[in-house]
Amino acid sequence: MMCDNLFFKIVWVIVYGITAYFTFTDKMMMAMYWMAGGMFAQALVDIIYHFWPKKKC
């Protein structure tokens, strides 16, 4: 994960927590949708964050 922002880390923990909830309640299709959507969103945020101009101190 390239994005070192605490907000996004909390978002990913929540998304994967929802995935785990669906997995352990035997709703595997919803778990797969959340996992795929979460991974896609995480990759998208990381690539945008990578190309965002960084401030120099």
C-alpha atoms as a PDB file:
ATOM      1  CA  MET A   1       0.000   0.000   0.000  1.00  0.00           C
ATOM      2  CA  MET A   2       1.597   3.237  -1.128  1.00  0.00           C
ATOM      3  CA  CYS A   3      -0.903   5.568   0.482  1.00  0.00           C
ATOM      4  CA  ASP A   4       0.324   6.333   3.998  1.00  0.00           C
ATOM      5  CA  ASN A   5      -2.792   8.265   5.016  1.00  0.00           C
ATOM      6  CA  LEU A   6      -4.424   7.173   8.293  1.00  0.00           C
ATOM      7  CA  PHE A   7      -7.938   7.954   6.994  1.00  0.00           C
ATOM      8  CA  PHE A   8      -7.560   5.583   4.044  1.00  0.00           C
ATOM      9  CA  LYS A   9      -6.073   2.863   6.244  1.00  0.00           C
ATOM     10  CA  ILE A  10      -9.155   3.063   8.472  1.00  0.00           C
ATOM     11  CA  VAL A  11     -11.418   2.922   5.396  1.00  0.00           C
ATOM     12  CA  TRP A  12      -9.675  -0.241   4.150  1.00  0.00           C
ATOM     13  CA  VAL A  13      -9.965  -1.887   7.570  1.00  0.00           C
ATOM     14  CA  ILE A  14     -13.722  -1.175   7.545  1.00  0.00           C
ATOM     15  CA  VAL A  15     -14.120  -2.498   3.979  1.00  0.00           C
ATOM     16  CA  TYR A  16     -12.234  -5.704   4.766  1.00  0.00           C
ATOM     17  CA  GLY A  17     -14.150  -6.022   8.038  1.00  0.00           C
ATOM     18  CA  ILE A  18     -17.404  -5.973   6.075  1.00  0.00           C
ATOM     19  CA  THR A  19     -15.905  -8.629   3.789  1.00  0.00           C
ATOM     20  CA  ALA A  20     -15.068 -10.789   6.809  1.00  0.00           C
ATOM     21  CA  TYR A  21     -18.590 -10.315   8.189  1.00  0.00           C
ATOM     22  CA  PHE A  22     -20.162 -11.536   4.945  1.00  0.00           C
ATOM     23  CA  THR A  23     -17.677 -14.428   4.781  1.00  0.00           C
ATOM     24  CA  PHE A  24     -18.489 -15.708   8.265  1.00  0.00           C
ATOM     25  CA  THR A  25     -22.259 -15.324   7.818  1.00  0.00           C
ATOM     26  CA  ASP A  26     -22.214 -17.589   4.723  1.00  0.00           C
ATOM     27  CA  LYS A  27     -22.934 -14.836   2.191  1.00  0.00           C
ATOM     28  CA  MET A  28     -19.984 -15.612  -0.035  1.00  0.00           C
ATOM     29  CA  MET A  29     -21.203 -13.765  -3.138  1.00  0.00           C
ATOM     30  CA  MET A  30     -21.541 -10.502  -1.209  1.00  0.00           C
ATOM     31  CA  ALA A  31     -18.136 -11.158   0.387  1.00  0.00           C
ATOM     32  CA  MET A  32     -16.577 -11.573  -3.060  1.00  0.00           C
ATOM     33  CA  TYR A  33     -18.222  -8.368  -4.303  1.00  0.00           C
ATOM     34  CA  TRP A  34     -16.919  -6.421  -1.294  1.00  0.00           C
ATOM     35  CA  MET A  35     -13.443  -7.943  -1.658  1.00  0.00           C
ATOM     36  CA  ALA A  36     -13.238  -7.144  -5.364  1.00  0.00           C
ATOM     37  CA  GLY A  37     -14.628  -3.639  -4.874  1.00  0.00           C
ATOM     38  CA  GLY A  38     -12.334  -2.964  -1.928  1.00  0.00           C
ATOM     39  CA  MET A  39      -9.235  -4.135  -3.757  1.00  0.00           C
ATOM     40  CA  PHE A  40     -10.134  -2.085  -6.834  1.00  0.00           C
ATOM     41  CA  ALA A  41     -10.797   1.033  -4.738  1.00  0.00           C
ATOM     42  CA  GLN A  42      -7.547   0.555  -2.822  1.00  0.00           C
ATOM     43  CA  ALA A  43      -5.534   0.201  -6.026  1.00  0.00           C
ATOM     44  CA  LEU A  44      -7.253   3.235  -7.544  1.00  0.00           C
ATOM     45  CA  VAL A  45      -6.572   5.420  -4.496  1.00  0.00           C
ATOM     46  CA  ASP A  46      -2.951   4.229  -4.368  1.00  0.00           C
ATOM     47  CA  ILE A  47      -2.304   5.054  -8.033  1.00  0.00           C
ATOM     48  CA  ILE A  48      -3.912   8.486  -7.702  1.00  0.00           C
ATOM     49  CA  TYR A  49      -1.935   9.141  -4.518  1.00  0.00           C
ATOM     50  CA  HIS A  50       1.262   8.079  -6.310  1.00  0.00           C
ATOM     51  CA  PHE A  51       0.843  10.668  -9.079  1.00  0.00           C
ATOM     52  CA  TRP A  52      -0.440  13.455  -6.788  1.00  0.00           C
ATOM     53  CA  PRO A  53       2.135  16.256  -6.482  1.00  0.00           C
ATOM     54  CA  LYS A  54       3.983  16.018  -3.190  1.00  0.00           C
ATOM     55  CA  LYS A  55       4.950  19.010  -1.052  1.00  0.00           C
ATOM     56  CA  LYS A  56       8.627  19.455  -0.240  1.00  0.00           C
ATOM     57  CA  CYS A  57       9.574  20.567   3.255  1.00  0.00           C
END
